[in-house]
PDB file of N, CA and C in Angstrom:
ATOM      1  N   MET A   1      11.588  -5.353 -17.772  1.00  0.00           N
ATOM      2  CA  MET A   1      10.491  -5.803 -16.970  1.00  0.00           C
ATOM      3  C   MET A   1       9.899  -4.654 -16.252  1.00  0.00           C
ATOM      4  N   SER A   2       8.541  -4.760 -16.068  1.00  0.00           N
ATOM      5  CA  SER A   2       7.787  -3.723 -15.300  1.00  0.00           C
ATOM      6  C   SER A   2       7.191  -4.388 -14.085  1.00  0.00           C
ATOM      7  N   THR A   3       6.767  -3.514 -13.149  1.00  0.00           N
ATOM      8  CA  THR A   3       6.105  -3.964 -11.972  1.00  0.00           C
ATOM      9  C   THR A   3       4.599  -3.521 -12.001  1.00  0.00           C
ATOM     10  N   PHE A   4       3.762  -4.414 -11.628  1.00  0.00           N
ATOM     11  CA  PHE A   4       2.319  -4.125 -11.614  1.00  0.00           C
ATOM     12  C   PHE A   4       1.679  -4.398 -10.252  1.00  0.00           C
ATOM     13  N   HIS A   5       0.928  -3.368  -9.796  1.00  0.00           N
ATOM     14  CA  HIS A   5       0.162  -3.551  -8.632  1.00  0.00           C
ATOM     15  C   HIS A   5      -1.188  -4.178  -9.036  1.00  0.00           C
ATOM     16  N   VAL A   6      -1.572  -5.196  -8.378  1.00  0.00           N
ATOM     17  CA  VAL A   6      -2.783  -5.930  -8.766  1.00  0.00           C
ATOM     18  C   VAL A   6      -3.697  -5.915  -7.525  1.00  0.00           C
ATOM     19  N   GLU A   7      -4.959  -5.621  -7.734  1.00  0.00           N
ATOM     20  CA  GLU A   7      -5.945  -5.724  -6.686  1.00  0.00           C
ATOM     21  C   GLU A   7      -7.040  -6.708  -7.108  1.00  0.00           C
ATOM     22  N   TYR A   8      -7.199  -7.775  -6.227  1.00  0.00           N
ATOM     23  CA  TYR A   8      -8.291  -8.628  -6.457  1.00  0.00           C
ATOM     24  C   TYR A   8      -9.453  -8.154  -5.580  1.00  0.00           C
ATOM     25  N   THR A   9     -10.646  -8.089  -6.113  1.00  0.00           N
ATOM     26  CA  THR A   9     -11.855  -7.868  -5.357  1.00  0.00           C
ATOM     27  C   THR A   9     -12.525  -9.208  -5.372  1.00  0.00           C
ATOM     28  N   TYR A  10     -12.818  -9.777  -4.216  1.00  0.00           N
ATOM     29  CA  TYR A  10     -13.435 -11.083  -4.159  1.00  0.00           C
ATOM     30  C   TYR A  10     -14.950 -10.966  -4.348  1.00  0.00           C
ATOM     31  N   ALA A  11     -15.495 -12.010  -4.948  1.00  0.00           N
ATOM     32  CA  ALA A  11     -16.932 -12.112  -5.140  1.00  0.00           C
ATOM     33  C   ALA A  11     -17.474 -12.675  -3.694  1.00  0.00           C
ATOM     34  N   PRO A  12     -18.229 -11.884  -3.070  1.00  0.00           N
ATOM     35  CA  PRO A  12     -18.717 -12.254  -1.674  1.00  0.00           C
ATOM     36  C   PRO A  12     -19.475 -13.623  -1.689  1.00  0.00           C
ATOM     37  N   GLU A  13     -20.221 -13.908  -2.740  1.00  0.00           N
ATOM     38  CA  GLU A  13     -20.949 -15.159  -2.820  1.00  0.00           C
ATOM     39  C   GLU A  13     -20.083 -16.355  -3.072  1.00  0.00           C
ATOM     40  N   ALA A  14     -18.760 -16.139  -3.331  1.00  0.00           N
ATOM     41  CA  ALA A  14     -17.853 -17.206  -3.654  1.00  0.00           C
ATOM     42  C   ALA A  14     -16.922 -17.526  -2.481  1.00  0.00           C
ATOM     43  N   ALA A  15     -17.248 -17.148  -1.272  1.00  0.00           N
ATOM     44  CA  ALA A  15     -16.401 -17.424  -0.068  1.00  0.00           C
ATOM     45  C   ALA A  15     -16.122 -18.901   0.060  1.00  0.00           C
ATOM     46  N   THR A  16     -17.109 -19.674  -0.062  1.00  0.00           N
ATOM     47  CA  THR A  16     -16.965 -21.154   0.120  1.00  0.00           C
ATOM     48  C   THR A  16     -16.058 -21.758  -1.002  1.00  0.00           C
ATOM     49  N   VAL A  17     -16.193 -21.270  -2.213  1.00  0.00           N
ATOM     50  CA  VAL A  17     -15.377 -21.659  -3.323  1.00  0.00           C
ATOM     51  C   VAL A  17     -13.948 -21.271  -3.041  1.00  0.00           C
ATOM     52  N   ARG A  18     -13.680 -20.090  -2.486  1.00  0.00           N
ATOM     53  CA  ARG A  18     -12.291 -19.639  -2.200  1.00  0.00           C
ATOM     54  C   ARG A  18     -11.697 -20.518  -1.143  1.00  0.00           C
ATOM     55  N   ASP A  19     -12.489 -20.821  -0.087  1.00  0.00           N
ATOM     56  CA  ASP A  19     -12.000 -21.689   0.939  1.00  0.00           C
ATOM     57  C   ASP A  19     -11.592 -23.029   0.433  1.00  0.00           C
ATOM     58  N   GLU A  20     -12.372 -23.545  -0.453  1.00  0.00           N
ATOM     59  CA  GLU A  20     -12.115 -24.879  -1.062  1.00  0.00           C
ATOM     60  C   GLU A  20     -10.833 -24.863  -1.953  1.00  0.00           C
ATOM     61  N   HIS A  21     -10.648 -23.769  -2.620  1.00  0.00           N
ATOM     62  CA  HIS A  21      -9.456 -23.712  -3.597  1.00  0.00           C
ATOM     63  C   HIS A  21      -8.263 -22.934  -3.026  1.00  0.00           C
ATOM     64  N   ARG A  22      -8.333 -22.510  -1.827  1.00  0.00           N
ATOM     65  CA  ARG A  22      -7.225 -21.735  -1.250  1.00  0.00           C
ATOM     66  C   ARG A  22      -5.943 -22.425  -1.258  1.00  0.00           C
ATOM     67  N   PRO A  23      -5.824 -23.736  -0.918  1.00  0.00           N
ATOM     68  CA  PRO A  23      -4.565 -24.439  -0.989  1.00  0.00           C
ATOM     69  C   PRO A  23      -3.894 -24.373  -2.387  1.00  0.00           C
ATOM     70  N   ALA A  24      -4.697 -24.607  -3.437  1.00  0.00           N
ATOM     71  CA  ALA A  24      -4.121 -24.538  -4.781  1.00  0.00           C
ATOM     72  C   ALA A  24      -3.727 -23.125  -5.172  1.00  0.00           C
ATOM     73  N   HIS A  25      -4.533 -22.160  -4.752  1.00  0.00           N
ATOM     74  CA  HIS A  25      -4.245 -20.721  -4.926  1.00  0.00           C
ATOM     75  C   HIS A  25      -2.918 -20.342  -4.307  1.00  0.00           C
ATOM     76  N   ARG A  26      -2.707 -20.721  -3.057  1.00  0.00           N
ATOM     77  CA  ARG A  26      -1.429 -20.437  -2.342  1.00  0.00           C
ATOM     78  C   ARG A  26      -0.257 -21.115  -2.932  1.00  0.00           C
ATOM     79  N   GLU A  27      -0.468 -22.365  -3.431  1.00  0.00           N
ATOM     80  CA  GLU A  27       0.599 -23.114  -4.095  1.00  0.00           C
ATOM     81  C   GLU A  27       1.005 -22.330  -5.369  1.00  0.00           C
ATOM     82  N   PHE A  28       0.062 -21.904  -6.137  1.00  0.00           N
ATOM     83  CA  PHE A  28       0.271 -21.125  -7.338  1.00  0.00           C
ATOM     84  C   PHE A  28       1.036 -19.837  -7.057  1.00  0.00           C
ATOM     85  N   LEU A  29       0.618 -19.130  -6.002  1.00  0.00           N
ATOM     86  CA  LEU A  29       1.295 -17.909  -5.605  1.00  0.00           C
ATOM     87  C   LEU A  29       2.744 -18.168  -5.105  1.00  0.00           C
ATOM     88  N   GLY A  30       2.893 -19.277  -4.383  1.00  0.00           N
ATOM     89  CA  GLY A  30       4.251 -19.664  -3.916  1.00  0.00           C
ATOM     90  C   GLY A  30       5.206 -19.920  -5.124  1.00  0.00           C
ATOM     91  N   ARG A  31       4.720 -20.583  -6.115  1.00  0.00           N
ATOM     92  CA  ARG A  31       5.577 -20.847  -7.291  1.00  0.00           C
ATOM     93  C   ARG A  31       5.936 -19.509  -7.999  1.00  0.00           C
ATOM     94  N   LEU A  32       4.964 -18.584  -8.099  1.00  0.00           N
ATOM     95  CA  LEU A  32       5.297 -17.297  -8.704  1.00  0.00           C
ATOM     96  C   LEU A  32       6.331 -16.556  -7.911  1.00  0.00           C
ATOM     97  N   HIS A  33       6.209 -16.609  -6.589  1.00  0.00           N
ATOM     98  CA  HIS A  33       7.212 -15.931  -5.698  1.00  0.00           C
ATOM     99  C   HIS A  33       8.552 -16.556  -5.798  1.00  0.00           C
ATOM    100  N   GLU A  34       8.600 -17.850  -5.821  1.00  0.00           N
ATOM    101  CA  GLU A  34       9.918 -18.539  -5.959  1.00  0.00           C
ATOM    102  C   GLU A  34      10.563 -18.175  -7.313  1.00  0.00           C
ATOM    103  N   ALA A  35       9.772 -18.033  -8.358  1.00  0.00           N
ATOM    104  CA  ALA A  35      10.340 -17.698  -9.667  1.00  0.00           C
ATOM    105  C   ALA A  35      10.691 -16.198  -9.800  1.00  0.00           C
ATOM    106  N   GLY A  36      10.300 -15.443  -8.782  1.00  0.00           N
ATOM    107  CA  GLY A  36      10.590 -13.972  -8.883  1.00  0.00           C
ATOM    108  C   GLY A  36       9.570 -13.159  -9.641  1.00  0.00           C
ATOM    109  N   ASP A  37       8.462 -13.742  -9.952  1.00  0.00           N
ATOM    110  CA  ASP A  37       7.344 -13.073 -10.690  1.00  0.00           C
ATOM    111  C   ASP A  37       6.352 -12.441  -9.772  1.00  0.00           C
ATOM    112  N   LEU A  38       6.435 -12.757  -8.517  1.00  0.00           N
ATOM    113  CA  LEU A  38       5.561 -12.151  -7.521  1.00  0.00           C
ATOM    114  C   LEU A  38       6.387 -11.662  -6.341  1.00  0.00           C
ATOM    115  N   LEU A  39       6.325 -10.265  -6.134  1.00  0.00           N
ATOM    116  CA  LEU A  39       7.107  -9.689  -5.120  1.00  0.00           C
ATOM    117  C   LEU A  39       6.451  -9.787  -3.762  1.00  0.00           C
ATOM    118  N   TYR A  40       5.136  -9.541  -3.667  1.00  0.00           N
ATOM    119  CA  TYR A  40       4.391  -9.694  -2.436  1.00  0.00           C
ATOM    120  C   TYR A  40       2.922 -10.022  -2.804  1.00  0.00           C
ATOM    121  N   VAL A  41       2.238 -10.574  -1.762  1.00  0.00           N
ATOM    122  CA  VAL A  41       0.823 -10.843  -1.905  1.00  0.00           C
ATOM    123  C   VAL A  41       0.258 -10.900  -0.502  1.00  0.00           C
ATOM    124  N   GLY A  42      -1.032 -10.556  -0.335  1.00  0.00           N
ATOM    125  CA  GLY A  42      -1.693 -10.754   0.935  1.00  0.00           C
ATOM    126  C   GLY A  42      -3.104 -10.271   0.857  1.00  0.00           C
ATOM    127  N   PRO A  43      -3.950 -10.872   1.644  1.00  0.00           N
ATOM    128  CA  PRO A  43      -5.404 -10.466   1.681  1.00  0.00           C
ATOM    129  C   PRO A  43      -5.584  -9.203   2.447  1.00  0.00           C
ATOM    130  N   PHE A  44      -6.669  -8.467   2.122  1.00  0.00           N
ATOM    131  CA  PHE A  44      -7.071  -7.360   2.977  1.00  0.00           C
ATOM    132  C   PHE A  44      -7.700  -7.968   4.170  1.00  0.00           C
ATOM    133  N   THR A  45      -7.524  -7.304   5.307  1.00  0.00           N
ATOM    134  CA  THR A  45      -8.012  -7.868   6.601  1.00  0.00           C
ATOM    135  C   THR A  45      -9.540  -7.863   6.730  1.00  0.00           C
ATOM    136  N   ASP A  46     -10.228  -7.087   5.858  1.00  0.00           N
ATOM    137  CA  ASP A  46     -11.701  -7.101   5.884  1.00  0.00           C
ATOM    138  C   ASP A  46     -12.270  -8.199   5.004  1.00  0.00           C
ATOM    139  N   GLY A  47     -11.403  -9.059   4.393  1.00  0.00           N
ATOM    140  CA  GLY A  47     -11.837 -10.167   3.537  1.00  0.00           C
ATOM    141  C   GLY A  47     -12.366  -9.744   2.158  1.00  0.00           C
ATOM    142  N   SER A  48     -12.243  -8.486   1.776  1.00  0.00           N
ATOM    143  CA  SER A  48     -12.766  -8.048   0.532  1.00  0.00           C
ATOM    144  C   SER A  48     -11.967  -8.328  -0.712  1.00  0.00           C
ATOM    145  N   GLY A  49     -10.699  -8.749  -0.506  1.00  0.00           N
ATOM    146  CA  GLY A  49      -9.844  -9.005  -1.647  1.00  0.00           C
ATOM    147  C   GLY A  49      -8.402  -9.190  -1.209  1.00  0.00           C
ATOM    148  N   ALA A  50      -7.485  -8.908  -2.124  1.00  0.00           N
ATOM    149  CA  ALA A  50      -6.068  -9.045  -1.893  1.00  0.00           C
ATOM    150  C   ALA A  50      -5.264  -8.091  -2.785  1.00  0.00           C
ATOM    151  N   ALA A  51      -4.055  -7.858  -2.344  1.00  0.00           N
ATOM    152  CA  ALA A  51      -3.110  -7.051  -3.187  1.00  0.00           C
ATOM    153  C   ALA A  51      -1.919  -7.904  -3.555  1.00  0.00           C
ATOM    154  N   LEU A  52      -1.455  -7.752  -4.785  1.00  0.00           N
ATOM    155  CA  LEU A  52      -0.304  -8.571  -5.285  1.00  0.00           C
ATOM    156  C   LEU A  52       0.592  -7.528  -6.021  1.00  0.00           C
ATOM    157  N   MET A  53       1.870  -7.873  -6.079  1.00  0.00           N
ATOM    158  CA  MET A  53       2.776  -7.084  -6.913  1.00  0.00           C
ATOM    159  C   MET A  53       3.468  -8.087  -7.917  1.00  0.00           C
ATOM    160  N   ILE A  54       3.190  -7.920  -9.142  1.00  0.00           N
ATOM    161  CA  ILE A  54       3.687  -8.857 -10.189  1.00  0.00           C
ATOM    162  C   ILE A  54       4.759  -8.192 -10.992  1.00  0.00           C
ATOM    163  N   VAL A  55       5.735  -8.925 -11.429  1.00  0.00           N
ATOM    164  CA  VAL A  55       6.775  -8.497 -12.373  1.00  0.00           C
ATOM    165  C   VAL A  55       6.485  -9.160 -13.700  1.00  0.00           C
ATOM    166  N   ALA A  56       6.348  -8.362 -14.755  1.00  0.00           N
ATOM    167  CA  ALA A  56       6.100  -8.897 -16.131  1.00  0.00           C
ATOM    168  C   ALA A  56       6.532  -7.914 -17.123  1.00  0.00           C
ATOM    169  N   ASP A  57       6.601  -8.358 -18.395  1.00  0.00           N
ATOM    170  CA  ASP A  57       6.960  -7.504 -19.487  1.00  0.00           C
ATOM    171  C   ASP A  57       6.034  -6.352 -19.725  1.00  0.00           C
ATOM    172  N   ASP A  58       4.768  -6.645 -19.586  1.00  0.00           N
ATOM    173  CA  ASP A  58       3.692  -5.587 -19.829  1.00  0.00           C
ATOM    174  C   ASP A  58       2.408  -6.009 -19.168  1.00  0.00           C
ATOM    175  N   GLU A  59       1.388  -5.152 -19.264  1.00  0.00           N
ATOM    176  CA  GLU A  59       0.126  -5.502 -18.632  1.00  0.00           C
ATOM    177  C   GLU A  59      -0.497  -6.806 -19.135  1.00  0.00           C
ATOM    178  N   THR A  60      -0.382  -7.019 -20.428  1.00  0.00           N
ATOM    179  CA  THR A  60      -0.919  -8.210 -21.036  1.00  0.00           C
ATOM    180  C   THR A  60      -0.320  -9.426 -20.441  1.00  0.00           C
ATOM    181  N   ALA A  61       1.049  -9.391 -20.277  1.00  0.00           N
ATOM    182  CA  ALA A  61       1.760 -10.505 -19.694  1.00  0.00           C
ATOM    183  C   ALA A  61       1.368 -10.702 -18.256  1.00  0.00           C
ATOM    184  N   ALA A  62       1.217  -9.640 -17.509  1.00  0.00           N
ATOM    185  CA  ALA A  62       0.814  -9.703 -16.080  1.00  0.00           C
ATOM    186  C   ALA A  62      -0.596 -10.352 -15.980  1.00  0.00           C
ATOM    187  N   ARG A  63      -1.464  -9.947 -16.784  1.00  0.00           N
ATOM    188  CA  ARG A  63      -2.823 -10.521 -16.765  1.00  0.00           C
ATOM    189  C   ARG A  63      -2.823 -12.011 -17.158  1.00  0.00           C
ATOM    190  N   ALA A  64      -1.921 -12.387 -18.083  1.00  0.00           N
ATOM    191  CA  ALA A  64      -1.799 -13.780 -18.502  1.00  0.00           C
ATOM    192  C   ALA A  64      -1.300 -14.647 -17.302  1.00  0.00           C
ATOM    193  N   VAL A  65      -0.366 -14.097 -16.525  1.00  0.00           N
ATOM    194  CA  VAL A  65       0.062 -14.825 -15.323  1.00  0.00           C
ATOM    195  C   VAL A  65      -1.084 -14.993 -14.383  1.00  0.00           C
ATOM    196  N   LEU A  66      -1.829 -13.920 -14.118  1.00  0.00           N
ATOM    197  CA  LEU A  66      -2.970 -14.034 -13.197  1.00  0.00           C
ATOM    198  C   LEU A  66      -4.058 -14.952 -13.650  1.00  0.00           C
ATOM    199  N   ALA A  67      -4.160 -15.163 -14.924  1.00  0.00           N
ATOM    200  CA  ALA A  67      -5.153 -16.050 -15.480  1.00  0.00           C
ATOM    201  C   ALA A  67      -4.945 -17.472 -15.034  1.00  0.00           C
ATOM    202  N   GLY A  68      -3.711 -17.866 -14.620  1.00  0.00           N
ATOM    203  CA  GLY A  68      -3.429 -19.152 -14.143  1.00  0.00           C
ATOM    204  C   GLY A  68      -3.753 -19.432 -12.677  1.00  0.00           C
ATOM    205  N   ASP A  69      -4.189 -18.352 -12.004  1.00  0.00           N
ATOM    206  CA  ASP A  69      -4.589 -18.516 -10.570  1.00  0.00           C
ATOM    207  C   ASP A  69      -5.808 -19.413 -10.427  1.00  0.00           C
ATOM    208  N   PRO A  70      -5.766 -20.413  -9.627  1.00  0.00           N
ATOM    209  CA  PRO A  70      -6.932 -21.275  -9.448  1.00  0.00           C
ATOM    210  C   PRO A  70      -8.196 -20.514  -9.027  1.00  0.00           C
ATOM    211  N   PHE A  71      -7.992 -19.398  -8.342  1.00  0.00           N
ATOM    212  CA  PHE A  71      -9.136 -18.534  -7.988  1.00  0.00           C
ATOM    213  C   PHE A  71      -9.892 -18.020  -9.220  1.00  0.00           C
ATOM    214  N   ALA A  72      -9.031 -17.698 -10.250  1.00  0.00           N
ATOM    215  CA  ALA A  72      -9.613 -17.165 -11.473  1.00  0.00           C
ATOM    216  C   ALA A  72     -10.384 -18.335 -12.226  1.00  0.00           C
ATOM    217  N   ALA A  73      -9.885 -19.506 -12.169  1.00  0.00           N
ATOM    218  CA  ALA A  73     -10.503 -20.645 -12.822  1.00  0.00           C
ATOM    219  C   ALA A  73     -11.885 -20.975 -12.314  1.00  0.00           C
ATOM    220  N   VAL A  74     -12.114 -20.659 -10.968  1.00  0.00           N
ATOM    221  CA  VAL A  74     -13.403 -21.044 -10.367  1.00  0.00           C
ATOM    222  C   VAL A  74     -14.280 -19.763 -10.096  1.00  0.00           C
ATOM    223  N   ALA A  75     -13.930 -18.663 -10.748  1.00  0.00           N
ATOM    224  CA  ALA A  75     -14.634 -17.414 -10.645  1.00  0.00           C
ATOM    225  C   ALA A  75     -14.876 -16.908  -9.206  1.00  0.00           C
ATOM    226  N   ALA A  76     -13.750 -17.093  -8.414  1.00  0.00           N
ATOM    227  CA  ALA A  76     -13.811 -16.611  -7.010  1.00  0.00           C
ATOM    228  C   ALA A  76     -13.379 -15.178  -6.883  1.00  0.00           C
ATOM    229  N   ILE A  77     -13.069 -14.512  -7.951  1.00  0.00           N
ATOM    230  CA  ILE A  77     -12.597 -13.100  -7.987  1.00  0.00           C
ATOM    231  C   ILE A  77     -13.625 -12.344  -8.821  1.00  0.00           C
ATOM    232  N   ALA A  78     -14.191 -11.326  -8.222  1.00  0.00           N
ATOM    233  CA  ALA A  78     -15.154 -10.469  -8.903  1.00  0.00           C
ATOM    234  C   ALA A  78     -14.508  -9.558  -9.943  1.00  0.00           C
ATOM    235  N   THR A  79     -13.419  -8.894  -9.532  1.00  0.00           N
ATOM    236  CA  THR A  79     -12.687  -7.984 -10.398  1.00  0.00           C
ATOM    237  C   THR A  79     -11.192  -8.061 -10.141  1.00  0.00           C
ATOM    238  N   VAL A  80     -10.443  -7.771 -11.180  1.00  0.00           N
ATOM    239  CA  VAL A  80      -8.948  -7.721 -11.109  1.00  0.00           C
ATOM    240  C   VAL A  80      -8.551  -6.373 -11.698  1.00  0.00           C
ATOM    241  N   THR A  81      -7.883  -5.586 -10.916  1.00  0.00           N
ATOM    242  CA  THR A  81      -7.392  -4.288 -11.334  1.00  0.00           C
ATOM    243  C   THR A  81      -5.906  -4.408 -11.468  1.00  0.00           C
ATOM    244  N   VAL A  82      -5.362  -4.023 -12.545  1.00  0.00           N
ATOM    245  CA  VAL A  82      -3.836  -4.119 -12.845  1.00  0.00           C
ATOM    246  C   VAL A  82      -3.387  -2.755 -13.182  1.00  0.00           C
ATOM    247  N   ARG A  83      -2.400  -2.207 -12.439  1.00  0.00           N
ATOM    248  CA  ARG A  83      -1.810  -0.915 -12.799  1.00  0.00           C
ATOM    249  C   ARG A  83      -0.328  -0.968 -12.769  1.00  0.00           C
ATOM    250  N   GLU A  84       0.320  -0.391 -13.738  1.00  0.00           N
ATOM    251  CA  GLU A  84       1.800  -0.358 -13.688  1.00  0.00           C
ATOM    252  C   GLU A  84       2.222   0.545 -12.532  1.00  0.00           C
ATOM    253  N   TRP A  85       3.241   0.114 -11.815  1.00  0.00           N
ATOM    254  CA  TRP A  85       3.671   0.795 -10.633  1.00  0.00           C
ATOM    255  C   TRP A  85       5.134   1.217 -10.720  1.00  0.00           C
ATOM    256  N   LYS A  86       5.466   2.380 -10.239  1.00  0.00           N
ATOM    257  CA  LYS A  86       6.876   2.842 -10.190  1.00  0.00           C
ATOM    258  C   LYS A  86       7.322   3.036  -8.757  1.00  0.00           C
ATOM    259  N   GLN A  87       8.307   2.330  -8.371  1.00  0.00           N
ATOM    260  CA  GLN A  87       8.803   2.458  -7.007  1.00  0.00           C
ATOM    261  C   GLN A  87       9.661   3.750  -6.852  1.00  0.00           C
ATOM    262  N   VAL A  88       9.428   4.434  -5.767  1.00  0.00           N
ATOM    263  CA  VAL A  88      10.351   5.583  -5.437  1.00  0.00           C
ATOM    264  C   VAL A  88      11.230   5.152  -4.265  1.00  0.00           C
ATOM    265  N   TYR A  89      10.673   4.610  -3.199  1.00  0.00           N
ATOM    266  CA  TYR A  89      11.468   4.077  -2.040  1.00  0.00           C
ATOM    267  C   TYR A  89      10.954   2.690  -1.785  1.00  0.00           C
ATOM    268  N   GLY A  90      11.784   1.847  -1.173  1.00  0.00           N
ATOM    269  CA  GLY A  90      11.338   0.614  -0.805  1.00  0.00           C
ATOM    270  C   GLY A  90      12.313  -0.552  -1.143  1.00  0.00           C
ATOM    271  N   PRO A  91      11.965  -1.734  -0.754  1.00  0.00           N
ATOM    272  CA  PRO A  91      12.826  -2.858  -0.841  1.00  0.00           C
ATOM    273  C   PRO A  91      12.975  -3.514  -2.207  1.00  0.00           C
ATOM    274  N   PHE A  92      12.133  -3.120  -3.189  1.00  0.00           N
ATOM    275  CA  PHE A  92      12.159  -3.832  -4.515  1.00  0.00           C
ATOM    276  C   PHE A  92      13.096  -3.137  -5.431  1.00  0.00           C
TER     277      PHE A  92
END
């Protein structure tokens, strides 16, 4: 398994859509966390997006997991950046 840093950049014009779908989005993320597929997640304080840390076999698998996010289904995310990450120090 590999670890992937993910950055969501939110579509500014979709703020109302995100507000509407946030409960389903958080439920989705909670299930990923409970399953061990999501190490952390949280929004940037300026409202521009969020950071996630996903565990998956490869980038294709990580992107497949993210495709299930309700925010993805309603086009509330402008861009998704996925990069494999290697920990040097830290809790993971």
